[in-house]
Amino acid sequence: MNPENQVLTVSAIAREMNCSKAQIYKAINGLVTGVSPLPAIRLGRRRLVRRATLEEWKRANERVLSGAMIDPSVKNHA
């Protein structure tokens, strides 16, 4: 199976994104401020997301959040 056609469960997405299933459901339902809704396939009560859709959604939201530029001359001294 083509990895882009792989279908992911909410649990699998939550593990990958290192967050709770509740947070993924909120993203699907458009309830996370500053983040576009995560498109999902509705199968009864289940929500499934194609791998390609998840990757596209992550890139789109990363671009939105990356509007601020970091000055390369500033060094981080942790």
Protein backbone atom coordinates (compact mmCIF):
# COMPACT_ATOMS: atom_id res chain seq x y z
CA MET A 1 0.00 0.00 0.00
CA ASN A 2 1.22 3.47 -0.87
CA PRO A 3 2.13 5.22 2.43
CA GLU A 4 0.23 8.34 1.33
CA ASN A 5 -2.96 6.27 1.10
CA GLN A 6 -2.48 4.87 4.61
CA VAL A 7 -5.44 5.64 6.86
CA LEU A 8 -4.67 6.65 10.45
CA THR A 9 -6.83 6.46 13.54
CA VAL A 10 -7.10 9.28 16.06
CA SER A 11 -5.01 7.19 18.48
CA ALA A 12 -2.22 6.77 15.93
CA ILE A 13 -2.21 10.49 15.14
CA ALA A 14 -2.13 11.39 18.84
CA ARG A 15 0.89 9.12 19.39
CA GLU A 16 2.69 10.62 16.39
CA MET A 17 1.89 14.21 17.40
CA ASN A 18 2.71 13.50 21.06
CA CYS A 19 -0.63 14.80 22.32
CA SER A 20 -3.95 13.46 23.58
CA LYS A 21 -6.73 11.95 21.49
CA ALA A 22 -8.97 14.73 22.82
CA GLN A 23 -6.65 17.32 21.28
CA ILE A 24 -6.82 15.55 17.90
CA TYR A 25 -10.64 15.47 18.07
CA LYS A 26 -10.57 19.19 18.85
CA ALA A 27 -8.33 19.77 15.81
CA ILE A 28 -10.72 17.75 13.62
CA ASN A 29 -13.68 19.75 14.92
CA GLY A 30 -11.89 23.08 14.38
CA LEU A 31 -11.74 23.90 18.10
CA VAL A 32 -8.00 24.61 18.38
CA THR A 33 -7.24 28.33 18.20
CA GLY A 34 -4.78 29.30 15.50
CA VAL A 35 -4.92 25.92 13.74
CA SER A 36 -7.00 25.06 10.68
CA PRO A 37 -9.38 22.10 11.10
CA LEU A 38 -7.84 18.70 10.39
CA PRO A 39 -9.82 17.08 7.53
CA ALA A 40 -11.06 13.61 8.50
CA ILE A 41 -13.13 10.79 7.09
CA ARG A 42 -16.22 10.10 9.14
CA LEU A 43 -16.95 6.40 9.55
CA GLY A 44 -19.81 6.18 12.01
CA ARG A 45 -18.42 7.63 15.24
CA ARG A 46 -14.83 7.02 14.15
CA ARG A 47 -12.65 9.64 12.52
CA LEU A 48 -9.91 8.54 10.16
CA VAL A 49 -7.29 10.67 8.43
CA ARG A 50 -5.26 9.80 5.35
CA ARG A 51 -1.49 10.04 5.89
CA ALA A 52 -1.16 12.48 2.96
CA THR A 53 -3.86 14.73 4.46
CA LEU A 54 -2.15 14.74 7.87
CA GLU A 55 1.23 15.63 6.36
CA GLU A 56 -0.31 18.42 4.26
CA TRP A 57 -2.18 19.75 7.33
CA LYS A 58 1.03 19.76 9.40
CA ARG A 59 2.93 21.65 6.68
CA ALA A 60 0.12 24.19 6.23
CA ASN A 61 -0.11 24.92 9.94
CA GLU A 62 3.66 25.05 10.30
CA ARG A 63 3.86 27.72 7.60
CA VAL A 64 1.16 29.77 9.31
CA LEU A 65 2.99 29.65 12.63
CA SER A 66 6.40 30.32 11.13
CA GLY A 67 5.61 33.90 10.14
CA ALA A 68 8.04 35.23 12.74
CA MET A 69 11.64 35.15 11.64
CA ILE A 70 14.42 34.28 14.06
CA ASP A 71 17.45 36.52 13.79
CA PRO A 72 20.33 34.16 12.92
CA SER A 73 22.79 36.47 14.70
CA VAL A 74 21.14 35.75 18.05
CA LYS A 75 22.82 32.80 19.79
CA ASN A 76 20.91 30.57 22.17
CA HIS A 77 22.92 30.01 25.33
CA ALA A 78 20.96 27.31 27.11
